[in-house]
C-alpha atoms as a PDB file:
ATOM      1  CA  MET A   1     -30.763   2.618   3.771  1.00  0.00           C
ATOM      2  CA  PRO A   2     -29.856   6.293   3.367  1.00  0.00           C
ATOM      3  CA  ASP A   3     -30.864   8.306   0.288  1.00  0.00           C
ATOM      4  CA  GLY A   4     -28.680   7.626  -2.589  1.00  0.00           C
ATOM      5  CA  ALA A   5     -27.438   4.343  -1.390  1.00  0.00           C
ATOM      6  CA  PRO A   6     -27.696   1.624  -4.220  1.00  0.00           C
ATOM      7  CA  PRO A   7     -30.520  -0.889  -4.100  1.00  0.00           C
ATOM      8  CA  ARG A   8     -29.825  -4.501  -2.982  1.00  0.00           C
ATOM      9  CA  PRO A   9     -28.139  -6.531  -3.975  1.00  0.00           C
ATOM     10  CA  ILE A  10     -25.087  -4.283  -4.535  1.00  0.00           C
ATOM     11  CA  ARG A  11     -23.435  -5.077  -7.652  1.00  0.00           C
ATOM     12  CA  ILE A  12     -19.737  -5.721  -7.329  1.00  0.00           C
ATOM     13  CA  GLY A  13     -17.087  -5.566 -10.098  1.00  0.00           C
ATOM     14  CA  ILE A  14     -13.820  -7.214  -9.312  1.00  0.00           C
ATOM     15  CA  VAL A  15     -10.400  -6.289 -10.992  1.00  0.00           C
ATOM     16  CA  GLY A  16      -7.714  -8.689 -10.238  1.00  0.00           C
ATOM     17  CA  LEU A  17      -8.621 -12.453  -9.832  1.00  0.00           C
ATOM     18  CA  GLY A  18      -5.739 -13.545  -7.564  1.00  0.00           C
ATOM     19  CA  TYR A  19      -6.014 -14.450  -3.856  1.00  0.00           C
ATOM     20  CA  ILE A  20      -7.831 -11.168  -2.702  1.00  0.00           C
ATOM     21  CA  GLY A  21     -10.051 -11.016  -5.743  1.00  0.00           C
ATOM     22  CA  THR A  22     -11.242 -14.538  -5.385  1.00  0.00           C
ATOM     23  CA  THR A  23     -11.262 -14.830  -1.442  1.00  0.00           C
ATOM     24  CA  VAL A  24     -13.052 -11.500  -0.743  1.00  0.00           C
ATOM     25  CA  GLY A  25     -14.873 -11.812  -4.057  1.00  0.00           C
ATOM     26  CA  GLY A  26     -16.168 -15.186  -2.920  1.00  0.00           C
ATOM     27  CA  GLN A  27     -17.590 -13.484   0.192  1.00  0.00           C
ATOM     28  CA  PHE A  28     -19.439 -11.024  -1.999  1.00  0.00           C
ATOM     29  CA  HIS A  29     -20.634 -13.873  -4.327  1.00  0.00           C
ATOM     30  CA  ARG A  30     -22.178 -15.877  -1.312  1.00  0.00           C
ATOM     31  CA  HIS A  31     -23.522 -12.726   0.344  1.00  0.00           C
ATOM     32  CA  SER A  32     -27.401 -12.167   0.336  1.00  0.00           C
ATOM     33  CA  ASP A  33     -26.885  -8.323  -0.079  1.00  0.00           C
ATOM     34  CA  ALA A  34     -24.371  -8.461  -3.007  1.00  0.00           C
ATOM     35  CA  THR A  35     -23.905 -10.079  -6.430  1.00  0.00           C
ATOM     36  CA  VAL A  36     -20.665 -10.227  -8.580  1.00  0.00           C
ATOM     37  CA  GLY A  37     -21.836  -8.326 -11.643  1.00  0.00           C
ATOM     38  CA  ALA A  38     -18.444  -8.104 -13.540  1.00  0.00           C
ATOM     39  CA  ILE A  39     -15.001  -9.404 -13.433  1.00  0.00           C
ATOM     40  CA  CYS A  40     -11.773  -8.277 -14.943  1.00  0.00           C
ATOM     41  CA  ASP A  41      -8.323  -9.966 -15.362  1.00  0.00           C
ATOM     42  CA  LEU A  42      -5.629 -10.459 -18.085  1.00  0.00           C
ATOM     43  CA  ASP A  43      -5.669 -14.203 -17.662  1.00  0.00           C
ATOM     44  CA  ALA A  44      -8.321 -15.682 -19.946  1.00  0.00           C
ATOM     45  CA  ASP A  45      -8.334 -18.996 -18.081  1.00  0.00           C
ATOM     46  CA  ARG A  46      -8.841 -17.253 -14.872  1.00  0.00           C
ATOM     47  CA  LEU A  47     -11.649 -15.250 -16.267  1.00  0.00           C
ATOM     48  CA  GLU A  48     -13.415 -18.332 -17.381  1.00  0.00           C
ATOM     49  CA  SER A  49     -13.018 -20.362 -14.277  1.00  0.00           C
ATOM     50  CA  ILE A  50     -13.873 -17.564 -11.774  1.00  0.00           C
ATOM     51  CA  GLY A  51     -16.699 -16.397 -14.088  1.00  0.00           C
ATOM     52  CA  ASP A  52     -18.224 -19.789 -13.999  1.00  0.00           C
ATOM     53  CA  GLU A  53     -17.760 -20.004 -10.214  1.00  0.00           C
ATOM     54  CA  PHE A  54     -19.342 -16.594  -9.553  1.00  0.00           C
ATOM     55  CA  ASP A  55     -21.997 -16.820 -12.082  1.00  0.00           C
ATOM     56  CA  VAL A  56     -20.901 -13.894 -14.190  1.00  0.00           C
ATOM     57  CA  PRO A  57     -22.238 -13.731 -17.608  1.00  0.00           C
ATOM     58  CA  ASP A  58     -19.697 -14.034 -20.532  1.00  0.00           C
ATOM     59  CA  ASP A  59     -20.321 -10.466 -21.665  1.00  0.00           C
ATOM     60  CA  ARG A  60     -19.493  -9.193 -18.245  1.00  0.00           C
ATOM     61  CA  ARG A  61     -15.984 -10.763 -18.193  1.00  0.00           C
ATOM     62  CA  TYR A  62     -13.353  -8.213 -19.163  1.00  0.00           C
ATOM     63  CA  ALA A  63      -9.686  -8.094 -20.056  1.00  0.00           C
ATOM     64  CA  GLU A  64      -9.652  -4.285 -19.827  1.00  0.00           C
ATOM     65  CA  TYR A  65     -10.613  -2.440 -16.649  1.00  0.00           C
ATOM     66  CA  PRO A  66     -11.643   0.803 -18.295  1.00  0.00           C
ATOM     67  CA  SER A  67     -14.156  -1.210 -20.375  1.00  0.00           C
ATOM     68  CA  MET A  68     -15.640  -2.930 -17.208  1.00  0.00           C
ATOM     69  CA  LEU A  69     -16.296   0.674 -15.761  1.00  0.00           C
ATOM     70  CA  GLU A  70     -17.531   2.216 -19.005  1.00  0.00           C
ATOM     71  CA  ASP A  71     -20.097  -0.564 -19.570  1.00  0.00           C
ATOM     72  CA  GLY A  72     -21.606   0.345 -16.182  1.00  0.00           C
ATOM     73  CA  GLY A  73     -23.994  -1.978 -14.279  1.00  0.00           C
ATOM     74  CA  ILE A  74     -21.869  -2.013 -11.160  1.00  0.00           C
ATOM     75  CA  ASP A  75     -22.204  -0.139  -7.792  1.00  0.00           C
ATOM     76  CA  ALA A  76     -18.750  -0.990  -6.268  1.00  0.00           C
ATOM     77  CA  VAL A  77     -15.338  -2.158  -7.247  1.00  0.00           C
ATOM     78  CA  LEU A  78     -13.030  -4.811  -5.471  1.00  0.00           C
ATOM     79  CA  VAL A  79      -9.318  -3.981  -6.371  1.00  0.00           C
ATOM     80  CA  GLY A  80      -7.314  -7.060  -5.968  1.00  0.00           C
ATOM     81  CA  THR A  81      -4.452  -6.077  -8.420  1.00  0.00           C
ATOM     82  CA  PRO A  82      -0.748  -5.560  -7.705  1.00  0.00           C
ATOM     83  CA  HIS A  83       0.150  -2.793  -5.293  1.00  0.00           C
ATOM     84  CA  THR A  84       1.429  -0.055  -7.695  1.00  0.00           C
ATOM     85  CA  LEU A  85      -1.815  -0.342  -9.883  1.00  0.00           C
ATOM     86  CA  HIS A  86      -4.166   0.503  -6.978  1.00  0.00           C
ATOM     87  CA  TYR A  87      -4.140   4.332  -7.246  1.00  0.00           C
ATOM     88  CA  GLU A  88      -5.319   4.705 -10.854  1.00  0.00           C
ATOM     89  CA  GLN A  89      -7.873   1.909 -10.382  1.00  0.00           C
ATOM     90  CA  VAL A  90      -9.277   3.394  -7.337  1.00  0.00           C
ATOM     91  CA  VAL A  91      -9.366   6.923  -8.801  1.00  0.00           C
ATOM     92  CA  ALA A  92     -11.150   5.581 -12.016  1.00  0.00           C
ATOM     93  CA  ALA A  93     -13.838   3.757  -9.818  1.00  0.00           C
ATOM     94  CA  LEU A  94     -14.489   6.813  -7.629  1.00  0.00           C
ATOM     95  CA  GLU A  95     -14.817   9.033 -10.750  1.00  0.00           C
ATOM     96  CA  ARG A  96     -17.454   6.586 -12.133  1.00  0.00           C
ATOM     97  CA  GLY A  97     -19.463   6.882  -8.827  1.00  0.00           C
ATOM     98  CA  CYS A  98     -18.479   3.483  -7.523  1.00  0.00           C
ATOM     99  CA  HIS A  99     -17.700   2.547  -3.951  1.00  0.00           C
ATOM    100  CA  VAL A 100     -14.274   0.839  -3.506  1.00  0.00           C
ATOM    101  CA  TYR A 101     -12.790  -2.047  -1.543  1.00  0.00           C
ATOM    102  CA  CYS A 102      -9.109  -1.956  -1.994  1.00  0.00           C
ATOM    103  CA  ASP A 103      -6.585  -4.481  -0.954  1.00  0.00           C
ATOM    104  CA  LYS A 104      -3.674  -3.240   1.142  1.00  0.00           C
ATOM    105  CA  PRO A 105      -1.559  -1.212   0.699  1.00  0.00           C
ATOM    106  CA  LEU A 106      -3.817   1.412  -0.588  1.00  0.00           C
ATOM    107  CA  THR A 107      -0.937   2.800  -2.623  1.00  0.00           C
ATOM    108  CA  THR A 108       2.911   2.667  -2.491  1.00  0.00           C
ATOM    109  CA  ASP A 109       3.538   6.419  -3.083  1.00  0.00           C
ATOM    110  CA  LEU A 110       2.984   9.015  -0.251  1.00  0.00           C
ATOM    111  CA  ASP A 111       1.549  11.898  -2.444  1.00  0.00           C
ATOM    112  CA  ARG A 112      -0.819   9.472  -3.973  1.00  0.00           C
ATOM    113  CA  ALA A 113      -1.883   8.173  -0.588  1.00  0.00           C
ATOM    114  CA  ARG A 114      -2.658  11.777   0.480  1.00  0.00           C
ATOM    115  CA  ASP A 115      -4.550  12.341  -2.779  1.00  0.00           C
ATOM    116  CA  LEU A 116      -6.632   9.265  -2.248  1.00  0.00           C
ATOM    117  CA  THR A 117      -7.353  10.163   1.354  1.00  0.00           C
ATOM    118  CA  ALA A 118      -8.557  13.635   0.184  1.00  0.00           C
ATOM    119  CA  ARG A 119     -10.844  12.053  -2.469  1.00  0.00           C
ATOM    120  CA  ALA A 120     -12.155   9.602  -0.048  1.00  0.00           C
ATOM    121  CA  GLU A 121     -12.908  12.218   2.649  1.00  0.00           C
ATOM    122  CA  ARG A 122     -14.572  14.604   0.219  1.00  0.00           C
ATOM    123  CA  SER A 123     -16.842  11.804  -1.134  1.00  0.00           C
ATOM    124  CA  ASP A 124     -20.010  10.300   0.052  1.00  0.00           C
ATOM    125  CA  LEU A 125     -18.633   6.938  -1.355  1.00  0.00           C
ATOM    126  CA  THR A 126     -17.220   4.203   0.644  1.00  0.00           C
ATOM    127  CA  VAL A 127     -13.459   3.624   0.463  1.00  0.00           C
ATOM    128  CA  MET A 128     -12.418   0.570   2.516  1.00  0.00           C
ATOM    129  CA  VAL A 129      -8.816  -0.739   2.752  1.00  0.00           C
ATOM    130  CA  GLY A 130      -8.124  -4.533   3.209  1.00  0.00           C
ATOM    131  CA  TYR A 131      -6.624  -4.272   6.759  1.00  0.00           C
ATOM    132  CA  GLN A 132      -8.680  -7.092   8.261  1.00  0.00           C
ATOM    133  CA  ARG A 133      -7.146  -6.886  11.740  1.00  0.00           C
ATOM    134  CA  HIS A 134      -9.602  -4.050  12.343  1.00  0.00           C
ATOM    135  CA  LEU A 135     -12.398  -6.754  12.062  1.00  0.00           C
ATOM    136  CA  GLN A 136     -10.618  -9.216  14.386  1.00  0.00           C
ATOM    137  CA  THR A 137     -11.879  -9.625  17.960  1.00  0.00           C
ATOM    138  CA  ALA A 138      -8.360  -9.995  19.469  1.00  0.00           C
ATOM    139  CA  PHE A 139      -7.305  -6.703  17.885  1.00  0.00           C
ATOM    140  CA  ARG A 140     -10.480  -4.977  18.935  1.00  0.00           C
ATOM    141  CA  THR A 141     -10.255  -6.177  22.510  1.00  0.00           C
ATOM    142  CA  ALA A 142      -6.634  -4.881  22.703  1.00  0.00           C
ATOM    143  CA  ARG A 143      -7.708  -1.511  21.255  1.00  0.00           C
ATOM    144  CA  GLU A 144     -10.036  -0.880  24.010  1.00  0.00           C
ATOM    145  CA  ARG A 145      -7.084  -0.766  26.553  1.00  0.00           C
ATOM    146  CA  PHE A 146      -5.737   2.268  24.725  1.00  0.00           C
ATOM    147  CA  THR A 147      -8.840   4.413  24.454  1.00  0.00           C
ATOM    148  CA  ASP A 148      -7.896   6.564  27.317  1.00  0.00           C
ATOM    149  CA  HIS A 149      -4.068   6.375  27.582  1.00  0.00           C
ATOM    150  CA  ASP A 150      -1.138   5.574  25.357  1.00  0.00           C
ATOM    151  CA  PRO A 151       1.455   2.702  25.315  1.00  0.00           C
ATOM    152  CA  ARG A 152       4.936   3.709  26.097  1.00  0.00           C
ATOM    153  CA  TRP A 153       6.955   1.088  24.117  1.00  0.00           C
ATOM    154  CA  VAL A 154       6.073  -1.345  21.386  1.00  0.00           C
ATOM    155  CA  THR A 155       7.767  -4.443  19.916  1.00  0.00           C
ATOM    156  CA  ALA A 156       6.388  -6.184  16.902  1.00  0.00           C
ATOM    157  CA  SER A 157       7.561  -8.930  14.667  1.00  0.00           C
ATOM    158  CA  ILE A 158       6.470 -11.217  11.912  1.00  0.00           C
ATOM    159  CA  THR A 159       8.026 -14.206   9.966  1.00  0.00           C
ATOM    160  CA  GLN A 160       7.063 -15.841   6.795  1.00  0.00           C
ATOM    161  CA  ASP A 161       8.733 -17.814   4.035  1.00  0.00           C
ATOM    162  CA  TRP A 162       7.710 -14.914   1.778  1.00  0.00           C
ATOM    163  CA  ILE A 163      10.586 -15.008  -0.614  1.00  0.00           C
ATOM    164  CA  ASP A 164       9.971 -18.557  -1.678  1.00  0.00           C
ATOM    165  CA  ASP A 165       6.246 -18.117  -1.523  1.00  0.00           C
ATOM    166  CA  SER A 166       6.584 -15.276  -3.942  1.00  0.00           C
ATOM    167  CA  ARG A 167       8.965 -16.736  -6.560  1.00  0.00           C
ATOM    168  CA  GLY A 168       7.575 -16.360 -10.103  1.00  0.00           C
ATOM    169  CA  THR A 169       4.840 -13.788  -9.120  1.00  0.00           C
ATOM    170  CA  TRP A 170       4.533 -10.062  -9.292  1.00  0.00           C
ATOM    171  CA  ARG A 171       5.514  -9.651  -5.593  1.00  0.00           C
ATOM    172  CA  LEU A 172       9.077  -9.795  -6.386  1.00  0.00           C
ATOM    173  CA  ASP A 173       8.714  -7.273  -9.240  1.00  0.00           C
ATOM    174  CA  PRO A 174       9.153  -3.840  -7.660  1.00  0.00           C
ATOM    175  CA  GLU A 175       7.396  -2.136 -10.577  1.00  0.00           C
ATOM    176  CA  LEU A 176       4.271  -3.990  -9.396  1.00  0.00           C
ATOM    177  CA  SER A 177       4.812  -4.509  -5.758  1.00  0.00           C
ATOM    178  CA  GLY A 178       6.347  -1.086  -4.884  1.00  0.00           C
ATOM    179  CA  GLY A 179       8.749  -2.770  -2.500  1.00  0.00           C
ATOM    180  CA  GLY A 180       9.180  -5.983  -0.600  1.00  0.00           C
ATOM    181  CA  PHE A 181       8.194  -8.025   2.531  1.00  0.00           C
ATOM    182  CA  LEU A 182       7.607  -4.732   4.395  1.00  0.00           C
ATOM    183  CA  TYR A 183       5.006  -3.351   1.813  1.00  0.00           C
ATOM    184  CA  ASP A 184       3.354  -6.804   1.632  1.00  0.00           C
ATOM    185  CA  THR A 185       2.826  -8.876   4.890  1.00  0.00           C
ATOM    186  CA  GLY A 186       4.642  -6.271   6.879  1.00  0.00           C
ATOM    187  CA  SER A 187       1.906  -3.698   6.047  1.00  0.00           C
ATOM    188  CA  HIS A 188      -0.562  -5.597   8.172  1.00  0.00           C
ATOM    189  CA  VAL A 189       1.729  -5.520  11.334  1.00  0.00           C
ATOM    190  CA  LEU A 190       2.283  -1.763  10.963  1.00  0.00           C
ATOM    191  CA  ASP A 191      -1.387  -1.135  10.555  1.00  0.00           C
ATOM    192  CA  GLY A 192      -2.156  -3.406  13.518  1.00  0.00           C
ATOM    193  CA  VAL A 193       0.087  -1.486  15.756  1.00  0.00           C
ATOM    194  CA  LEU A 194      -0.938   1.937  14.605  1.00  0.00           C
ATOM    195  CA  TRP A 195      -4.717   1.225  14.632  1.00  0.00           C
ATOM    196  CA  THR A 196      -4.736  -0.751  17.949  1.00  0.00           C
ATOM    197  CA  THR A 197      -2.585   1.881  19.908  1.00  0.00           C
ATOM    198  CA  GLY A 198      -3.703   5.187  18.052  1.00  0.00           C
ATOM    199  CA  LEU A 199       0.031   6.166  18.051  1.00  0.00           C
ATOM    200  CA  GLU A 200       1.307   8.615  15.502  1.00  0.00           C
ATOM    201  CA  PRO A 201       4.703   7.914  14.176  1.00  0.00           C
ATOM    202  CA  VAL A 202       6.985  11.091  13.785  1.00  0.00           C
ATOM    203  CA  SER A 203      10.317   9.446  12.794  1.00  0.00           C
ATOM    204  CA  VAL A 204      12.035   6.053  11.738  1.00  0.00           C
ATOM    205  CA  ALA A 205      15.431   4.680  11.388  1.00  0.00           C
ATOM    206  CA  ALA A 206      15.773   1.400   9.600  1.00  0.00           C
ATOM    207  CA  SER A 207      17.986  -1.365   8.218  1.00  0.00           C
ATOM    208  CA  MET A 208      17.005  -3.738   5.483  1.00  0.00           C
ATOM    209  CA  ASP A 209      18.471  -6.806   3.637  1.00  0.00           C
ATOM    210  CA  PHE A 210      17.349  -6.837  -0.053  1.00  0.00           C
ATOM    211  CA  HIS A 211      16.576  -9.773  -2.283  1.00  0.00           C
ATOM    212  CA  ASP A 212      17.427  -7.907  -5.466  1.00  0.00           C
ATOM    213  CA  ASP A 213      20.406  -6.163  -6.688  1.00  0.00           C
ATOM    214  CA  GLU A 214      18.633  -2.816  -7.055  1.00  0.00           C
ATOM    215  CA  ASN A 215      17.822  -2.828  -3.374  1.00  0.00           C
ATOM    216  CA  ARG A 216      14.078  -2.444  -3.889  1.00  0.00           C
ATOM    217  CA  VAL A 217      12.656  -5.643  -2.647  1.00  0.00           C
ATOM    218  CA  ASP A 218      13.355  -6.205   0.974  1.00  0.00           C
ATOM    219  CA  SER A 219      13.570  -9.602   2.508  1.00  0.00           C
ATOM    220  CA  ARG A 220      14.251  -8.342   6.001  1.00  0.00           C
ATOM    221  CA  ALA A 221      13.481  -4.965   7.687  1.00  0.00           C
ATOM    222  CA  HIS A 222      14.298  -3.713  11.052  1.00  0.00           C
ATOM    223  CA  LEU A 223      12.564  -0.365  12.159  1.00  0.00           C
ATOM    224  CA  ASP A 224      13.108   1.893  15.021  1.00  0.00           C
ATOM    225  CA  VAL A 225      10.068   4.176  15.331  1.00  0.00           C
ATOM    226  CA  ALA A 226       9.563   7.292  17.477  1.00  0.00           C
ATOM    227  CA  PHE A 227       5.932   8.256  18.136  1.00  0.00           C
ATOM    228  CA  ALA A 228       4.486  11.789  18.913  1.00  0.00           C
ATOM    229  CA  ASN A 229       3.802  11.013  22.664  1.00  0.00           C
ATOM    230  CA  GLY A 230       7.337   9.937  23.354  1.00  0.00           C
ATOM    231  CA  ALA A 231       6.684   6.333  22.881  1.00  0.00           C
ATOM    232  CA  THR A 232       9.170   4.040  20.939  1.00  0.00           C
ATOM    233  CA  GLY A 233       8.801   0.922  18.836  1.00  0.00           C
ATOM    234  CA  THR A 234      10.834  -1.762  17.409  1.00  0.00           C
ATOM    235  CA  PHE A 235       9.645  -3.704  14.402  1.00  0.00           C
ATOM    236  CA  SER A 236      11.258  -6.839  12.809  1.00  0.00           C
ATOM    237  CA  PHE A 237      10.088  -8.338   9.489  1.00  0.00           C
ATOM    238  CA  HIS A 238      11.788 -11.549   8.299  1.00  0.00           C
ATOM    239  CA  GLY A 239      10.459 -12.613   4.967  1.00  0.00           C
ATOM    240  CA  ASP A 240      12.740 -15.602   4.720  1.00  0.00           C
ATOM    241  CA  GLY A 241      11.482 -17.412   7.975  1.00  0.00           C
ATOM    242  CA  PRO A 242      10.187 -21.001   7.759  1.00  0.00           C
ATOM    243  CA  SER A 243       6.759 -20.184   8.981  1.00  0.00           C
ATOM    244  CA  VAL A 244       4.252 -17.395   9.810  1.00  0.00           C
ATOM    245  CA  ARG A 245       4.585 -16.282  13.439  1.00  0.00           C
ATOM    246  CA  GLU A 246       3.390 -12.853  14.747  1.00  0.00           C
ATOM    247  CA  HIS A 247       4.051 -11.083  17.832  1.00  0.00           C
ATOM    248  CA  LEU A 248       2.701  -7.607  19.009  1.00  0.00           C
ATOM    249  CA  HIS A 249       3.756  -6.535  22.490  1.00  0.00           C
ATOM    250  CA  LEU A 250       2.158  -3.244  23.492  1.00  0.00           C
ATOM    251  CA  TRP A 251       3.452  -1.767  26.841  1.00  0.00           C
ATOM    252  CA  ASP A 252       2.089   0.886  29.021  1.00  0.00           C
ATOM    253  CA  ASP A 253       2.976   1.910  32.607  1.00  0.00           C
ATOM    254  CA  ASP A 254       0.562  -0.694  34.008  1.00  0.00           C
ATOM    255  CA  GLY A 255       1.685  -3.631  31.955  1.00  0.00           C
ATOM    256  CA  ALA A 256       1.046  -4.832  28.450  1.00  0.00           C
ATOM    257  CA  VAL A 257      -1.086  -6.393  25.930  1.00  0.00           C
ATOM    258  CA  TYR A 258       0.313  -9.330  23.879  1.00  0.00           C
ATOM    259  CA  LEU A 259      -1.157 -10.280  20.539  1.00  0.00           C
ATOM    260  CA  GLU A 260       0.378 -13.423  19.170  1.00  0.00           C
ATOM    261  CA  GLY A 261      -0.494 -16.157  16.594  1.00  0.00           C
ATOM    262  CA  THR A 262       0.765 -18.612  13.825  1.00  0.00           C
ATOM    263  CA  GLN A 263       0.013 -18.788  10.249  1.00  0.00           C
ATOM    264  CA  TRP A 264      -3.176 -16.905   9.201  1.00  0.00           C
ATOM    265  CA  GLY A 265      -5.576 -18.051  11.936  1.00  0.00           C
ATOM    266  CA  PRO A 266      -6.958 -15.876  14.749  1.00  0.00           C
ATOM    267  CA  ARG A 267      -4.597 -14.084  17.055  1.00  0.00           C
ATOM    268  CA  ASP A 268      -4.555 -14.646  20.688  1.00  0.00           C
ATOM    269  CA  VAL A 269      -4.554 -11.824  23.212  1.00  0.00           C
ATOM    270  CA  ARG A 270      -3.070 -11.644  26.726  1.00  0.00           C
ATOM    271  CA  GLU A 271      -2.998  -8.954  29.266  1.00  0.00           C
ATOM    272  CA  ILE A 272       0.454  -8.707  31.221  1.00  0.00           C
ATOM    273  CA  HIS A 273       0.239  -7.057  34.596  1.00  0.00           C
ATOM    274  CA  ALA A 274       2.979  -5.130  36.341  1.00  0.00           C
ATOM    275  CA  ASP A 275       3.705  -8.032  38.708  1.00  0.00           C
ATOM    276  CA  ALA A 276       4.189 -10.194  35.542  1.00  0.00           C
ATOM    277  CA  GLY A 277       0.917 -11.942  36.135  1.00  0.00           C
ATOM    278  CA  GLU A 278      -1.201 -12.788  33.076  1.00  0.00           C
ATOM    279  CA  TYR A 279      -4.904 -12.553  32.189  1.00  0.00           C
ATOM    280  CA  VAL A 280      -6.358 -14.057  29.061  1.00  0.00           C
ATOM    281  CA  PRO A 281      -9.634 -12.342  28.120  1.00  0.00           C
ATOM    282  CA  TYR A 282     -12.428 -14.256  26.483  1.00  0.00           C
ATOM    283  CA  VAL A 283     -12.296 -13.855  22.854  1.00  0.00           C
ATOM    284  CA  ASP A 284     -15.011 -15.289  20.608  1.00  0.00           C
ATOM    285  CA  PRO A 285     -14.219 -14.806  16.883  1.00  0.00           C
ATOM    286  CA  ARG A 286     -17.536 -16.372  15.788  1.00  0.00           C
ATOM    287  CA  GLY A 287     -19.199 -12.985  15.703  1.00  0.00           C
ATOM    288  CA  GLU A 288     -16.546 -11.216  13.606  1.00  0.00           C
ATOM    289  CA  GLN A 289     -17.705  -9.603  10.447  1.00  0.00           C
ATOM    290  CA  SER A 290     -16.266 -10.833   7.074  1.00  0.00           C
ATOM    291  CA  ARG A 291     -14.596  -8.173   4.919  1.00  0.00           C
ATOM    292  CA  ALA A 292     -17.640  -8.188   2.652  1.00  0.00           C
ATOM    293  CA  ASP A 293     -19.956  -7.818   5.529  1.00  0.00           C
ATOM    294  CA  ALA A 294     -18.241  -4.673   6.819  1.00  0.00           C
ATOM    295  CA  PHE A 295     -17.946  -3.046   3.399  1.00  0.00           C
ATOM    296  CA  LEU A 296     -21.503  -3.662   2.659  1.00  0.00           C
ATOM    297  CA  GLU A 297     -22.625  -2.231   5.905  1.00  0.00           C
ATOM    298  CA  SER A 298     -20.762   0.939   5.234  1.00  0.00           C
ATOM    299  CA  VAL A 299     -22.104   1.216   1.717  1.00  0.00           C
ATOM    300  CA  GLU A 300     -25.699   0.581   2.852  1.00  0.00           C
ATOM    301  CA  GLY A 301     -25.651   2.742   5.863  1.00  0.00           C
ATOM    302  CA  GLY A 302     -23.361   5.545   4.670  1.00  0.00           C
ATOM    303  CA  THR A 303     -21.149   4.958   7.667  1.00  0.00           C
ATOM    304  CA  GLU A 304     -17.246   5.043   7.972  1.00  0.00           C
ATOM    305  CA  PRO A 305     -15.645   1.557   6.983  1.00  0.00           C
ATOM    306  CA  PRO A 306     -13.580  -0.135   9.695  1.00  0.00           C
ATOM    307  CA  ALA A 307     -10.389   0.610   7.806  1.00  0.00           C
ATOM    308  CA  THR A 308     -10.157   3.996   6.070  1.00  0.00           C
ATOM    309  CA  ALA A 309      -7.926   5.705   3.469  1.00  0.00           C
ATOM    310  CA  ARG A 310      -6.563   7.676   6.286  1.00  0.00           C
ATOM    311  CA  ASP A 311      -5.570   4.626   8.203  1.00  0.00           C
ATOM    312  CA  ALA A 312      -3.738   3.448   4.954  1.00  0.00           C
ATOM    313  CA  LEU A 313      -2.028   6.788   4.626  1.00  0.00           C
ATOM    314  CA  ARG A 314      -0.285   6.415   8.002  1.00  0.00           C
ATOM    315  CA  VAL A 315       0.996   2.958   7.008  1.00  0.00           C
ATOM    316  CA  THR A 316       2.228   4.269   3.659  1.00  0.00           C
ATOM    317  CA  ALA A 317       3.870   7.273   5.252  1.00  0.00           C
ATOM    318  CA  LEU A 318       5.647   5.078   7.750  1.00  0.00           C
ATOM    319  CA  THR A 319       6.578   2.561   5.152  1.00  0.00           C
ATOM    320  CA  GLU A 320       7.908   4.932   2.676  1.00  0.00           C
ATOM    321  CA  ALA A 321       9.976   6.716   5.365  1.00  0.00           C
ATOM    322  CA  ALA A 322      11.445   3.273   6.479  1.00  0.00           C
ATOM    323  CA  TYR A 323      12.653   2.533   2.872  1.00  0.00           C
ATOM    324  CA  GLU A 324      14.243   6.052   2.663  1.00  0.00           C
ATOM    325  CA  ALA A 325      15.809   5.483   6.043  1.00  0.00           C
ATOM    326  CA  ALA A 326      17.417   2.111   5.230  1.00  0.00           C
ATOM    327  CA  LEU A 327      18.757   3.345   1.965  1.00  0.00           C
ATOM    328  CA  SER A 328      20.215   6.658   3.311  1.00  0.00           C
ATOM    329  CA  GLY A 329      21.342   5.449   6.775  1.00  0.00           C
ATOM    330  CA  GLU A 330      19.665   8.363   8.350  1.00  0.00           C
ATOM    331  CA  ARG A 331      16.629   8.807  10.595  1.00  0.00           C
ATOM    332  CA  VAL A 332      13.752  10.223   8.593  1.00  0.00           C
ATOM    333  CA  ALA A 333      10.883  12.444   9.761  1.00  0.00           C
ATOM    334  CA  ILE A 334       7.242  11.571   9.094  1.00  0.00           C
ATOM    335  CA  ASP A 335       5.116  14.759   8.553  1.00  0.00           C
ATOM    336  CA  GLY A 336       1.670  15.899   7.743  1.00  0.00           C
ATOM    337  CA  LEU A 337      -0.358  12.848   8.810  1.00  0.00           C
ATOM    338  CA  ASN A 338      -2.939  15.083  10.460  1.00  0.00           C
ATOM    339  CA  ALA A 339      -3.654  17.561   7.685  1.00  0.00           C
ATOM    340  CA  ASP A 340      -7.286  18.209   6.997  1.00  0.00           C
ATOM    341  CA  PHE A 341      -7.426  16.826   3.479  1.00  0.00           C
ATOM    342  CA  ALA A 342     -11.113  17.082   3.257  1.00  0.00           C
ATOM    343  CA  GLU A 343     -10.870  20.796   3.012  1.00  0.00           C
ATOM    344  CA  ARG A 344      -8.560  20.878   0.089  1.00  0.00           C
ATOM    345  CA  GLU A 345      -9.766  21.679  -3.445  1.00  0.00           C
END
C-alpha cells in the first residue's frame, strides 16, 4: 500500500441503509479487507436490523450523519441516500479525510457536480461513483472497440415498471430524487453510452412525459443528442413499462456493438458486421470485481477508481440539459465538460 493508505481492514461508515447501503454495504461487510465500522439512518428499526447483520456495535449506530463523522473511527463513507443529499454528504466526508463511495447520480445539480469533480481531482482521496457498468465484462469488451475510433450513431433504450416500483418512496419526491426516471435508472444508460464510447455530448433536444403536476418527475423521456465528433444518439427511457429491458446499439463505419439484457442480470454483447453478420465474443462475468473490490483496490493502491467524479459530471451535465430542453422545447448546449478543475482554487 502507498504511504498514507489506511491500514487493513478499511473501516467503512454507511449513511443510508436502503438498497445500495445494504447491497454494497454487504459486500464490504463480507470483504476480508474491510469492516463496517458505523452506520447511519433515520429509521431506528433499520439501524437495529442492519446493525445486527453487519456486526456494528450499538454505540456506532447513528441517526445523525454529522455525529458519525465527528466520532471518527472510519476511513471511508458509503453514501446510499436519496440523490439530492449526496453533495453535502460527500463534501462532509472528504473534509473529514474519508474516502467516498457514492451511489449514482453523484449529484443532481451541475454546479455541484463541477465542484465535486474539482474536490475529487485535487484530493488524494478516492471518490468512486456507483456506475457498475464500468465493472461489467460486456461493457468493458464493447469499450475496447472504441479505443482508436469513434461511433457515428447511437441508439439506446431501457424500460422498467419504475413508477409502480417507486410508489410510496422518496424516488417520486423531486426534493429528494432531483428528477424522475431519467435521473434514476436512466442515469446508468447515459453513463453506459458515454463511458463505453468516449463520446462528448455537446447539445440535446428532449421531450418528456411527467408523473407529477409540477413536471419534475419524468415517467418517460426521449433524447436527441449531438456529440463533438459529429455523431448523433437517440435515447428512450420508459419508466412505466412492464419489465426491465435494456438495448444499447453503438454503430461505427464498420458495423456495431450491441449490448442487451433483461432485468438486472449480466448484459450480452454482440458485434454486428457491415454485411449484417454477427459475432458473439466470449464473455465470462465470473472474474468481474464487485463494487467493494474496486473501491478498496483504489483506496489501498491510490489508483483511479473505475467510475470517477468526472464520469458522473458528464452524466449530470447531459441530464440537466435534457430536463431544460424538455421544459423549454429548445435544443440546449452542454458546455465546459473538459475544464481542468484540478487547477482551480
